[in-house]
Protein backbone atom coordinates (compact mmCIF):
# COMPACT_ATOMS: atom_id res chain seq x y z
CA MET A 1 -27.05 -19.51 58.74
CA ARG A 2 -24.63 -21.14 61.07
CA ASN A 3 -22.30 -19.21 63.30
CA ASP A 4 -19.21 -20.29 61.39
CA GLN A 5 -20.69 -19.07 58.17
CA ILE A 6 -21.53 -15.67 59.69
CA PHE A 7 -17.94 -15.31 60.92
CA VAL A 8 -16.47 -16.04 57.50
CA LEU A 9 -18.82 -13.55 55.88
CA MET A 10 -17.77 -10.81 58.26
CA LEU A 11 -14.14 -11.61 57.69
CA VAL A 12 -14.61 -11.31 53.92
CA VAL A 13 -16.21 -7.84 54.39
CA LEU A 14 -13.66 -6.51 56.84
CA LEU A 15 -10.48 -7.55 55.05
CA PRO A 16 -10.89 -5.14 52.10
CA MET A 17 -11.67 -2.28 54.47
CA SER A 18 -8.44 -2.76 56.39
CA GLY A 19 -6.57 -0.99 53.54
CA CYS A 20 -8.14 2.33 54.59
CA PHE A 21 -5.92 2.41 57.67
CA ASP A 22 -2.21 3.01 57.50
CA GLY A 23 -0.24 0.55 59.55
CA GLY A 24 -0.07 1.69 63.12
CA SER A 25 -2.15 4.80 62.38
CA VAL A 26 -3.87 4.68 65.70
CA GLY A 27 -0.57 4.47 67.54
CA GLU A 28 0.89 7.32 65.53
CA ALA A 29 -2.06 9.51 66.31
CA GLU A 30 -1.58 8.83 69.97
CA GLY A 31 2.16 9.36 69.64
CA ALA A 32 1.61 12.68 67.87
CA GLN A 33 -0.54 13.87 70.70
CA ASP A 34 2.11 12.89 73.23
CA SER A 35 4.77 14.57 71.12
CA ASP A 36 2.78 17.81 70.90
CA GLU A 37 2.42 17.95 74.64
CA ALA A 38 6.13 17.33 75.12
CA SER A 39 7.50 19.66 72.43
CA GLY A 40 5.27 22.67 72.62
CA GLY A 41 1.79 21.57 71.92
CA THR A 42 1.03 22.94 75.37
CA THR A 43 1.75 26.67 75.50
CA VAL A 44 3.90 27.67 78.46
CA VAL A 45 3.69 31.39 79.36
CA ASN A 46 6.78 32.75 81.08
CA HIS A 47 6.48 36.15 82.85
CA TYR A 48 9.70 38.19 82.91
CA TYR A 49 10.02 41.16 85.23
CA ASN A 50 12.11 44.15 84.13
CA ASN A 51 14.22 44.92 87.16
CA THR A 52 16.69 47.11 85.24
CA THR A 53 17.75 50.15 87.24
CA THR A 54 18.03 53.31 85.19
CA SER A 55 20.76 55.60 86.47
CA SER A 56 20.80 59.32 85.88
CA ASN A 57 23.49 61.92 86.31
CA ALA A 58 20.88 64.56 87.11
CA GLN A 59 20.72 64.18 90.88
CA GLU A 60 17.89 65.78 92.75
CA ARG A 61 18.85 69.16 94.18
CA THR A 62 17.50 71.10 97.11
CA TRP A 63 16.99 74.76 96.29
CA TYR A 64 17.52 77.58 98.76
CA SER A 65 17.00 81.34 98.65
CA SER A 66 17.97 84.23 100.89
CA GLY A 67 17.77 87.99 100.67
CA GLY A 68 17.42 91.29 102.44
CA SER A 69 18.20 94.98 102.20
CA TYR A 70 21.31 97.03 102.86
CA ASN A 71 22.67 100.57 102.77
CA TYR A 72 24.88 101.06 99.76
CA TYR A 73 27.09 103.53 101.68
CA TRP A 74 28.01 104.25 105.27
CA ASP A 75 28.59 107.60 106.98
CA ASP A 76 29.86 108.92 110.31
CA GLY A 77 27.48 111.83 110.64
CA GLN A 78 30.00 114.43 109.44
CA SER A 79 29.60 116.13 106.10
CA VAL A 80 33.34 116.10 105.52
CA GLN A 81 35.05 114.51 102.56
CA SER A 82 37.44 111.65 103.12
CA GLY A 83 41.02 112.91 103.43
CA GLN A 84 40.05 116.29 104.92
CA GLN A 85 40.25 117.64 108.46
CA ARG A 86 37.29 116.62 110.57
CA CYS A 87 36.17 116.71 114.16
CA VAL A 88 38.29 114.25 116.08
CA ASP A 89 36.97 115.05 119.57
CA TYR A 90 33.38 115.49 120.63
CA GLY A 91 32.55 116.45 124.18
CA PRO A 92 30.10 118.28 126.42
CA SER A 93 29.60 121.94 125.64
CA TYR A 94 28.60 124.63 128.19
CA ASP A 95 27.34 128.16 127.90
CA GLN A 96 30.29 130.44 128.65
CA THR A 97 28.06 132.92 130.47
CA THR A 98 25.80 130.70 132.54
CA GLY A 99 27.83 127.52 132.56
CA GLU A 100 24.73 125.64 131.53
CA TYR A 101 25.25 122.38 129.63
CA VAL A 102 24.10 122.85 126.04
CA GLY A 103 25.00 119.45 124.52
CA GLU A 104 27.81 117.67 122.71
CA ALA A 105 30.02 119.74 120.47
CA CYS A 106 33.24 119.42 118.52
CA ARG A 107 36.19 120.38 120.70
CA GLU A 108 39.00 119.66 118.21
CA THR A 109 39.31 119.56 114.42
CA ALA A 110 42.28 117.86 112.78
CA TYR A 111 43.37 115.20 110.31
CA PRO A 112 42.44 111.76 111.67
CA GLU A 113 45.49 109.86 112.90
CA GLN A 114 43.86 106.78 114.41
CA ALA A 115 40.75 104.65 113.99
CA SER A 116 39.05 106.22 117.02
CA ASP A 117 39.05 109.58 115.20
CA TRP A 118 36.20 108.18 113.11
CA ASN A 119 32.69 107.35 114.25
CA LEU A 120 32.39 103.84 112.81
CA THR A 121 29.03 103.02 114.42
CA SER A 122 27.16 103.18 111.11
CA CYS A 123 29.29 100.27 109.92
CA THR A 124 29.89 98.13 112.99
CA GLU A 125 26.41 98.25 114.53
CA ASN A 126 25.13 96.13 111.62
CA GLY A 127 27.87 93.56 111.95
CA GLY A 128 30.09 95.33 109.47
CA ILE A 129 33.86 94.84 109.32
CA VAL A 130 36.03 97.96 109.07
CA GLN A 131 38.74 97.57 106.44
CA TRP A 132 41.39 100.26 106.15
CA THR A 133 42.62 100.25 102.59
CA ASN A 134 45.14 103.12 102.65
CA LEU A 135 47.30 102.35 105.67
CA ASN A 136 50.20 100.67 103.89
CA SER A 137 50.55 103.30 101.20
CA TRP A 138 50.43 106.31 103.53
CA GLN A 139 52.25 105.14 106.62
CA ASN A 140 55.39 106.93 107.85
CA GLU A 141 57.39 106.91 111.06
CA SER A 142 55.68 109.81 112.81
CA VAL A 143 52.02 109.45 111.89
CA ASN A 144 49.84 107.10 109.91
CA ASP A 145 48.36 109.36 107.29
CA GLY A 146 46.28 106.44 106.04
CA TYR A 147 43.68 107.14 108.74
CA ARG A 148 42.91 110.41 106.97
CA TYR A 149 40.92 108.38 104.47
CA ALA A 150 37.70 106.65 105.33
CA PRO A 151 37.78 102.86 105.55
CA THR A 152 35.56 100.50 103.59
CA CYS A 153 32.74 98.82 105.48
CA ILE A 154 32.39 95.11 104.73
CA ASN A 155 28.94 93.66 105.39
CA ILE A 156 28.57 89.88 105.35
CA PHE A 157 25.06 89.04 104.24
CA LYS A 158 25.18 85.26 104.60
CA THR A 159 27.59 82.38 105.27
CA ILE A 160 27.04 79.01 103.53
CA SER A 161 28.92 75.90 104.68
CA THR A 162 29.69 72.91 102.44
CA SER A 163 31.32 69.55 103.19
CA PRO A 164 33.59 67.46 100.94
CA GLY A 165 31.46 66.18 98.09
CA GLU A 166 29.05 69.13 98.11
CA ALA A 167 29.19 71.72 95.36
CA LEU A 168 27.59 75.14 95.80
CA LEU A 169 25.69 76.15 92.66
CA VAL A 170 24.63 79.79 92.49
CA TYR A 171 21.71 80.38 90.13
CA GLU A 172 20.82 83.99 90.91
CA ALA A 173 22.72 86.80 92.55
CA SER A 174 21.59 90.40 92.82
CA GLY A 175 22.83 93.31 94.87
CA SER A 176 26.42 93.35 93.51
CA TRP A 177 27.68 91.18 96.34
CA LYS A 178 30.72 88.92 96.15
CA ILE A 179 31.76 85.52 97.52
CA ARG A 180 34.82 84.84 99.67
CA THR A 181 35.53 81.13 100.11
CA THR A 182 37.64 79.72 102.94
CA CYS A 183 38.73 76.06 102.82
CA ASP A 184 41.23 74.42 105.20
CA GLY A 185 42.20 77.84 106.56
CA ILE A 186 42.96 79.35 103.16
CA SER A 187 40.73 82.12 101.79
CA SER A 188 40.12 83.10 98.21
CA PRO A 189 40.33 85.99 97.74
CA SER A 190 42.76 86.37 100.65
CA THR A 191 40.99 89.52 101.87
CA TYR A 192 37.54 90.97 101.40
CA SER A 193 38.11 92.52 98.01
CA THR A 194 36.85 96.03 97.32
CA TYR A 195 37.70 95.83 93.65
CA SER A 196 37.40 92.99 91.14
CA GLY A 197 37.90 90.09 93.54
CA GLY A 198 35.18 87.74 94.63
CA GLN A 199 32.85 85.76 92.44
CA TYR A 200 29.94 87.10 90.44
CA VAL A 201 27.22 85.14 88.66
CA VAL A 202 27.69 86.05 85.01
CA THR A 203 25.88 83.24 83.17
CA ASN A 204 22.22 82.52 82.57
CA GLU A 205 22.42 79.09 84.24
CA TYR A 206 24.64 78.87 87.30
CA ASN A 207 28.16 79.24 88.65
CA ILE A 208 29.92 76.48 90.56
CA VAL A 209 31.71 77.94 93.58
CA GLN A 210 35.19 76.64 94.32
CA GLY A 211 36.03 74.18 97.09
CA SER A 212 33.59 71.29 96.56
CA ALA A 213 36.22 68.70 97.61
CA MET A 214 36.90 70.30 101.02
CA ASP A 215 35.23 71.64 104.14
CA CYS A 216 34.49 75.24 103.20
CA THR A 217 32.60 78.35 104.23
CA HIS A 218 31.35 80.76 101.60
CA GLU A 219 30.72 84.33 102.73
CA LEU A 220 28.38 86.54 100.73
CA TYR A 221 29.55 90.10 101.33
CA LYS A 222 29.26 93.65 100.06
CA ASP A 223 31.91 96.38 100.36
CA ARG A 224 30.29 99.71 101.28
CA ALA A 225 32.02 103.01 100.57
CA TYR A 226 31.97 106.10 102.78
CA THR A 227 29.69 109.01 101.94
CA THR A 228 29.33 112.53 103.33
CA SER A 229 25.55 112.43 103.15
CA ASP A 230 22.92 110.42 104.96
CA SER A 231 23.42 106.85 103.76
CA SER A 232 19.99 105.71 104.97
CA SER A 233 18.46 107.03 101.75
CA SER A 234 20.51 104.62 99.62
CA VAL A 235 18.83 101.31 100.43
CA TYR A 236 19.10 98.39 98.01
CA LEU A 237 18.04 94.75 97.87
CA TRP A 238 20.26 91.70 97.73
CA SER A 239 19.23 88.12 97.01
CA ILE A 240 20.58 84.69 96.13
CA VAL A 241 19.13 81.45 94.79
CA TYR A 242 21.41 78.45 95.17
CA ALA A 243 21.48 74.66 95.37
CA ILE A 244 23.77 72.05 96.90
CA GLN A 245 24.84 69.32 94.43
CA ASP A 246 26.40 66.03 95.56
CA THR A 247 29.70 65.20 93.87
CA THR A 248 32.17 62.31 93.98
CA VAL A 249 35.52 63.32 95.47
CA LEU A 250 38.40 61.48 93.80
C-alpha cells in the first residue's frame, strides 16, 4: 500500500474519534489547574499569634505580719487606788538610834499634785506615752486635782508608713489595739483615744485604713490602765496581718 493510501486510511479512522474530545478540552484542563493554584487550589496556612493582654483588677499584694506581747496594765509599785493619798516623796531612811542607813522609805504621804508625784517608770521605760485624762475637768487656780488620778499609759506597738497611692489593708488584728492615722500633719483620732476612738478590724475579710491618697503614718497602739497590783502578771499577745495595695489617686 502506498504512503498516500496509508495516510488517507488513518485520517478516516481518526476523524470519527475526534468527537470524544470537547473543543479546547486540553486547554481547559490546563486552565483549570492554573485557576486552582491561583484561587485556592494551593492551601495557604496563616499562623496568628494571640497577643491580647488580659488585665485584672486583682493586683498582687505583699503580705506582712507583726506581733509581740504587752502588759495589759501598768503600776507604780504602790498598792494605792487612783484618787487616794499616796507616797509623794521617797528618800533615804536611817535608824533613829544608830543612825545607820536602812534603805529608801516614804517620807511624805499626800494627794498627788504634779506628775513627779507618780512613779511612771513602768510606763515610760517601754516607750510608753503618759496621757493625763483628768486634768481639764479637775483643774482649779490653786492646785491641779487632776494629778490625783492615775494617767493612761499609751504603748505604740508599730508604725506603718504609706505613700500616696498605697492603701493599708488590715486582715487580722488581735490584742484590742487601735490605729491612729496622721496625714499631712492631721491626726485621726486627734489624740490617742482611750475610749471608742481608733480603728478596729470588725469584718471577716479586711479593713481599709484611711489616708491612701496622702503621705501617712499609721500607729498601732494600746491604752493601758493603772492597777494597784503587779501588772507583770497580766501579759497578753498582740498581732497584725496586713497588706499594701496599690491604688490610683485621682
